[in-house]
Every structure is written in structure tokens, then in C-alpha cells.
């Protein structure tokens, strides 16, 4: 469980910024593949972006 990776945020079809998103919801056997669509949320109490959903690869 855990880890992080670089995520590019797109707004209106254009890349606007790159952030580090944390993978603390994963069970350790799942991976987020490159170029997947993600749902991220900023948690102010933890001061970090967290992936709360990801495109299923299977």
C-alpha cells in the first residue's frame, strides 16, 4: 500500500500542471498504468493530492 507518482492535470483539453499524486488507496497488488484517466482529490489536512479513482485495466 502506498507510493506516489507524477500526474499531469488537463483542463479544457490542455495539460496545465504536473503534480505528485499519492496511491494510498491501493491494496499493493494493483497498479495504475501510464496514461490512465484518474480522479484525484486534494486533502488539505494531509496537504497532498490523492488518487481516489482510476481507470480499470481489466
PDB file of N, CA and C in Angstrom:
ATOM      1  N   UNK A   1       0.851  -1.183   0.000  1.00  0.00           N
ATOM      2  CA  UNK A   1       0.000   0.000   0.000  1.00  0.00           C
ATOM      3  C   UNK A   1       0.891   1.238   0.000  1.00  0.00           C
ATOM      4  N   UNK A   2       0.515   2.231  -0.741  1.00  0.00           N
ATOM      5  CA  UNK A   2       1.249   3.475  -0.735  1.00  0.00           C
ATOM      6  C   UNK A   2       1.978   3.717  -2.029  1.00  0.00           C
ATOM      7  N   UNK A   3       2.807   4.709  -2.002  1.00  0.00           N
ATOM      8  CA  UNK A   3       3.537   5.102  -3.182  1.00  0.00           C
ATOM      9  C   UNK A   3       2.972   6.385  -3.749  1.00  0.00           C
ATOM     10  N   UNK A   4       3.627   6.886  -4.755  1.00  0.00           N
ATOM     11  CA  UNK A   4       3.176   8.110  -5.404  1.00  0.00           C
ATOM     12  C   UNK A   4       3.731   8.135  -6.816  1.00  0.00           C
ATOM     13  N   UNK A   5       3.200   9.052  -7.597  1.00  0.00           N
ATOM     14  CA  UNK A   5       3.660   9.190  -8.963  1.00  0.00           C
ATOM     15  C   UNK A   5       3.314  10.547  -9.517  1.00  0.00           C
ATOM     16  N   UNK A   6       3.907  10.861 -10.635  1.00  0.00           N
ATOM     17  CA  UNK A   6       3.667  12.135 -11.300  1.00  0.00           C
ATOM     18  C   UNK A   6       2.381  12.054 -12.114  1.00  0.00           C
ATOM     19  N   UNK A   7       1.541  13.072 -11.981  1.00  0.00           N
ATOM     20  CA  UNK A   7       0.257  13.141 -12.678  1.00  0.00           C
ATOM     21  C   UNK A   7       0.176  14.491 -13.382  1.00  0.00           C
ATOM     22  N   UNK A   8      -0.239  14.474 -14.633  1.00  0.00           N
ATOM     23  CA  UNK A   8      -0.459  15.714 -15.370  1.00  0.00           C
ATOM     24  C   UNK A   8      -1.946  16.029 -15.358  1.00  0.00           C
ATOM     25  N   UNK A   9      -2.288  17.223 -14.902  1.00  0.00           N
ATOM     26  CA  UNK A   9      -3.682  17.671 -14.859  1.00  0.00           C
ATOM     27  C   UNK A   9      -4.006  18.358 -16.174  1.00  0.00           C
ATOM     28  N   UNK A  10      -5.120  17.949 -16.770  1.00  0.00           N
ATOM     29  CA  UNK A  10      -5.602  18.547 -18.025  1.00  0.00           C
ATOM     30  C   UNK A  10      -6.878  19.333 -17.734  1.00  0.00           C
ATOM     31  N   UNK A  11      -6.941  20.534 -18.264  1.00  0.00           N
ATOM     32  CA  UNK A  11      -8.143  21.354 -18.152  1.00  0.00           C
ATOM     33  C   UNK A  11      -8.497  21.831 -19.550  1.00  0.00           C
ATOM     34  N   UNK A  12      -9.753  21.625 -19.928  1.00  0.00           N
ATOM     35  CA  UNK A  12     -10.227  22.021 -21.259  1.00  0.00           C
ATOM     36  C   UNK A  12      -9.368  21.432 -22.372  1.00  0.00           C
ATOM     37  N   UNK A  13      -8.904  20.197 -22.171  1.00  0.00           N
ATOM     38  CA  UNK A  13      -8.147  19.500 -23.196  1.00  0.00           C
ATOM     39  C   UNK A  13      -6.660  19.815 -23.252  1.00  0.00           C
ATOM     40  N   UNK A  14      -6.188  20.687 -22.363  1.00  0.00           N
ATOM     41  CA  UNK A  14      -4.772  21.056 -22.371  1.00  0.00           C
ATOM     42  C   UNK A  14      -4.118  20.722 -21.036  1.00  0.00           C
ATOM     43  N   UNK A  15      -2.867  20.245 -21.095  1.00  0.00           N
ATOM     44  CA  UNK A  15      -2.106  19.987 -19.883  1.00  0.00           C
ATOM     45  C   UNK A  15      -1.815  21.327 -19.211  1.00  0.00           C
ATOM     46  N   UNK A  16      -2.168  21.450 -17.930  1.00  0.00           N
ATOM     47  CA  UNK A  16      -1.989  22.725 -17.234  1.00  0.00           C
ATOM     48  C   UNK A  16      -0.945  22.681 -16.136  1.00  0.00           C
ATOM     49  N   UNK A  17      -0.760  21.510 -15.509  1.00  0.00           N
ATOM     50  CA  UNK A  17       0.247  21.412 -14.460  1.00  0.00           C
ATOM     51  C   UNK A  17       0.555  19.954 -14.161  1.00  0.00           C
ATOM     52  N   UNK A  18       1.687  19.732 -13.533  1.00  0.00           N
ATOM     53  CA  UNK A  18       2.097  18.398 -13.137  1.00  0.00           C
ATOM     54  C   UNK A  18       2.216  18.379 -11.614  1.00  0.00           C
ATOM     55  N   UNK A  19       1.643  17.353 -10.973  1.00  0.00           N
ATOM     56  CA  UNK A  19       1.661  17.249  -9.518  1.00  0.00           C
ATOM     57  C   UNK A  19       2.089  15.842  -9.118  1.00  0.00           C
ATOM     58  N   UNK A  20       2.368  15.647  -7.846  1.00  0.00           N
ATOM     59  CA  UNK A  20       2.607  14.313  -7.311  1.00  0.00           C
ATOM     60  C   UNK A  20       1.314  13.851  -6.660  1.00  0.00           C
ATOM     61  N   UNK A  21       0.814  12.696  -7.077  1.00  0.00           N
ATOM     62  CA  UNK A  21      -0.406  12.132  -6.504  1.00  0.00           C
ATOM     63  C   UNK A  21      -0.055  10.845  -5.765  1.00  0.00           C
ATOM     64  N   UNK A  22      -0.640  10.668  -4.611  1.00  0.00           N
ATOM     65  CA  UNK A  22      -0.340   9.526  -3.751  1.00  0.00           C
ATOM     66  C   UNK A  22      -1.337   8.398  -3.970  1.00  0.00           C
ATOM     67  N   UNK A  23      -0.848   7.180  -3.836  1.00  0.00           N
ATOM     68  CA  UNK A  23      -1.630   5.980  -4.136  1.00  0.00           C
ATOM     69  C   UNK A  23      -2.014   5.237  -2.867  1.00  0.00           C
ATOM     70  N   UNK A  24      -2.400   5.937  -1.824  1.00  0.00           N
ATOM     71  CA  UNK A  24      -2.629   5.283  -0.546  1.00  0.00           C
ATOM     72  C   UNK A  24      -3.921   4.471  -0.469  1.00  0.00           C
ATOM     73  N   UNK A  25      -4.704   4.429  -1.540  1.00  0.00           N
ATOM     74  CA  UNK A  25      -5.924   3.611  -1.536  1.00  0.00           C
ATOM     75  C   UNK A  25      -5.701   2.239  -2.157  1.00  0.00           C
ATOM     76  N   UNK A  26      -4.565   2.015  -2.764  1.00  0.00           N
ATOM     77  CA  UNK A  26      -4.297   0.753  -3.442  1.00  0.00           C
ATOM     78  C   UNK A  26      -3.974  -0.351  -2.447  1.00  0.00           C
ATOM     79  N   UNK A  27      -4.281  -1.584  -2.807  1.00  0.00           N
ATOM     80  CA  UNK A  27      -4.032  -2.716  -1.904  1.00  0.00           C
ATOM     81  C   UNK A  27      -2.646  -3.323  -2.074  1.00  0.00           C
ATOM     82  N   UNK A  28      -1.826  -2.775  -2.924  1.00  0.00           N
ATOM     83  CA  UNK A  28      -0.474  -3.279  -3.118  1.00  0.00           C
ATOM     84  C   UNK A  28      -0.347  -4.217  -4.304  1.00  0.00           C
ATOM     85  N   UNK A  29      -1.451  -4.829  -4.729  1.00  0.00           N
ATOM     86  CA  UNK A  29      -1.429  -5.724  -5.886  1.00  0.00           C
ATOM     87  C   UNK A  29      -1.935  -5.037  -7.135  1.00  0.00           C
ATOM     88  N   UNK A  30      -2.393  -3.813  -7.007  1.00  0.00           N
ATOM     89  CA  UNK A  30      -2.913  -3.066  -8.140  1.00  0.00           C
ATOM     90  C   UNK A  30      -1.901  -2.002  -8.544  1.00  0.00           C
ATOM     91  N   UNK A  31      -1.865  -1.731  -9.816  1.00  0.00           N
ATOM     92  CA  UNK A  31      -1.001  -0.665 -10.315  1.00  0.00           C
ATOM     93  C   UNK A  31      -1.820   0.263 -11.195  1.00  0.00           C
ATOM     94  N   UNK A  32      -1.453   1.499 -11.228  1.00  0.00           N
ATOM     95  CA  UNK A  32      -2.068   2.458 -12.142  1.00  0.00           C
ATOM     96  C   UNK A  32      -1.161   2.512 -13.363  1.00  0.00           C
ATOM     97  N   UNK A  33      -1.713   2.187 -14.515  1.00  0.00           N
ATOM     98  CA  UNK A  33      -0.895   2.159 -15.723  1.00  0.00           C
ATOM     99  C   UNK A  33      -0.720   3.562 -16.298  1.00  0.00           C
ATOM    100  N   UNK A  34       0.334   3.736 -17.042  1.00  0.00           N
ATOM    101  CA  UNK A  34       0.617   5.024 -17.681  1.00  0.00           C
ATOM    102  C   UNK A  34      -0.537   5.424 -18.580  1.00  0.00           C
ATOM    103  N   UNK A  35      -0.816   6.694 -18.622  1.00  0.00           N
ATOM    104  CA  UNK A  35      -1.863   7.306 -19.454  1.00  0.00           C
ATOM    105  C   UNK A  35      -3.276   6.919 -19.054  1.00  0.00           C
ATOM    106  N   UNK A  36      -3.469   6.443 -17.828  1.00  0.00           N
ATOM    107  CA  UNK A  36      -4.810   6.143 -17.324  1.00  0.00           C
ATOM    108  C   UNK A  36      -5.516   7.435 -16.936  1.00  0.00           C
ATOM    109  N   UNK A  37      -6.843   7.430 -17.067  1.00  0.00           N
ATOM    110  CA  UNK A  37      -7.615   8.552 -16.562  1.00  0.00           C
ATOM    111  C   UNK A  37      -7.809   8.342 -15.072  1.00  0.00           C
ATOM    112  N   UNK A  38      -7.614   9.421 -14.303  1.00  0.00           N
ATOM    113  CA  UNK A  38      -7.673   9.345 -12.850  1.00  0.00           C
ATOM    114  C   UNK A  38      -8.647  10.353 -12.288  1.00  0.00           C
ATOM    115  N   UNK A  39      -9.124  10.061 -11.101  1.00  0.00           N
ATOM    116  CA  UNK A  39      -9.882  11.021 -10.313  1.00  0.00           C
ATOM    117  C   UNK A  39      -9.010  11.325  -9.108  1.00  0.00           C
ATOM    118  N   UNK A  40      -8.600  12.586  -8.984  1.00  0.00           N
ATOM    119  CA  UNK A  40      -7.741  12.969  -7.869  1.00  0.00           C
ATOM    120  C   UNK A  40      -8.462  13.991  -7.003  1.00  0.00           C
ATOM    121  N   UNK A  41      -8.059  14.054  -5.746  1.00  0.00           N
ATOM    122  CA  UNK A  41      -8.651  14.997  -4.809  1.00  0.00           C
ATOM    123  C   UNK A  41      -7.545  15.519  -3.897  1.00  0.00           C
ATOM    124  N   UNK A  42      -7.599  16.808  -3.598  1.00  0.00           N
ATOM    125  CA  UNK A  42      -6.619  17.394  -2.690  1.00  0.00           C
ATOM    126  C   UNK A  42      -7.157  17.319  -1.271  1.00  0.00           C
ATOM    127  N   UNK A  43      -6.388  16.724  -0.379  1.00  0.00           N
ATOM    128  CA  UNK A  43      -6.755  16.624   1.028  1.00  0.00           C
ATOM    129  C   UNK A  43      -5.947  17.660   1.805  1.00  0.00           C
ATOM    130  N   UNK A  44      -6.623  18.716   2.236  1.00  0.00           N
ATOM    131  CA  UNK A  44      -5.943  19.817   2.931  1.00  0.00           C
ATOM    132  C   UNK A  44      -5.315  19.375   4.249  1.00  0.00           C
ATOM    133  N   UNK A  45      -6.004  18.474   4.977  1.00  0.00           N
ATOM    134  CA  UNK A  45      -5.460  18.042   6.268  1.00  0.00           C
ATOM    135  C   UNK A  45      -4.158  17.259   6.120  1.00  0.00           C
ATOM    136  N   UNK A  46      -3.967  16.617   4.963  1.00  0.00           N
ATOM    137  CA  UNK A  46      -2.738  15.886   4.691  1.00  0.00           C
ATOM    138  C   UNK A  46      -1.790  16.672   3.784  1.00  0.00           C
ATOM    139  N   UNK A  47      -2.287  17.770   3.231  1.00  0.00           N
ATOM    140  CA  UNK A  47      -1.537  18.632   2.307  1.00  0.00           C
ATOM    141  C   UNK A  47      -0.970  17.835   1.133  1.00  0.00           C
ATOM    142  N   UNK A  48      -1.844  16.992   0.526  1.00  0.00           N
ATOM    143  CA  UNK A  48      -1.390  16.226  -0.632  1.00  0.00           C
ATOM    144  C   UNK A  48      -2.555  15.828  -1.530  1.00  0.00           C
ATOM    145  N   UNK A  49      -2.221  15.577  -2.802  1.00  0.00           N
ATOM    146  CA  UNK A  49      -3.166  15.049  -3.780  1.00  0.00           C
ATOM    147  C   UNK A  49      -3.211  13.533  -3.626  1.00  0.00           C
ATOM    148  N   UNK A  50      -4.417  12.970  -3.705  1.00  0.00           N
ATOM    149  CA  UNK A  50      -4.598  11.528  -3.570  1.00  0.00           C
ATOM    150  C   UNK A  50      -5.453  11.029  -4.735  1.00  0.00           C
ATOM    151  N   UNK A  51      -5.052   9.911  -5.316  1.00  0.00           N
ATOM    152  CA  UNK A  51      -5.863   9.276  -6.356  1.00  0.00           C
ATOM    153  C   UNK A  51      -7.022   8.573  -5.665  1.00  0.00           C
ATOM    154  N   UNK A  52      -8.246   8.989  -5.967  1.00  0.00           N
ATOM    155  CA  UNK A  52      -9.423   8.386  -5.352  1.00  0.00           C
ATOM    156  C   UNK A  52     -10.167   7.455  -6.317  1.00  0.00           C
ATOM    157  N   UNK A  53      -9.736   7.429  -7.556  1.00  0.00           N
ATOM    158  CA  UNK A  53     -10.300   6.531  -8.564  1.00  0.00           C
ATOM    159  C   UNK A  53      -9.397   6.463  -9.770  1.00  0.00           C
ATOM    160  N   UNK A  54      -9.393   5.301 -10.423  1.00  0.00           N
ATOM    161  CA  UNK A  54      -8.555   5.142 -11.605  1.00  0.00           C
ATOM    162  C   UNK A  54      -9.247   4.244 -12.616  1.00  0.00           C
ATOM    163  N   UNK A  55      -8.936   4.467 -13.865  1.00  0.00           N
ATOM    164  CA  UNK A  55      -9.441   3.672 -14.969  1.00  0.00           C
ATOM    165  C   UNK A  55      -9.061   2.197 -14.744  1.00  0.00           C
ATOM    166  N   UNK A  56     -10.022   1.317 -14.887  1.00  0.00           N
ATOM    167  CA  UNK A  56      -9.782  -0.119 -14.692  1.00  0.00           C
ATOM    168  C   UNK A  56      -9.046  -0.678 -15.910  1.00  0.00           C
ATOM    169  N   UNK A  57      -8.031  -1.507 -15.660  1.00  0.00           N
ATOM    170  CA  UNK A  57      -7.235  -2.048 -16.753  1.00  0.00           C
ATOM    171  C   UNK A  57      -7.692  -3.434 -17.185  1.00  0.00           C
ATOM    172  N   UNK A  58      -8.636  -4.051 -16.465  1.00  0.00           N
ATOM    173  CA  UNK A  58      -9.095  -5.386 -16.839  1.00  0.00           C
ATOM    174  C   UNK A  58     -10.531  -5.392 -17.268  1.00  0.00           C
TER     175      UNK A  58
END
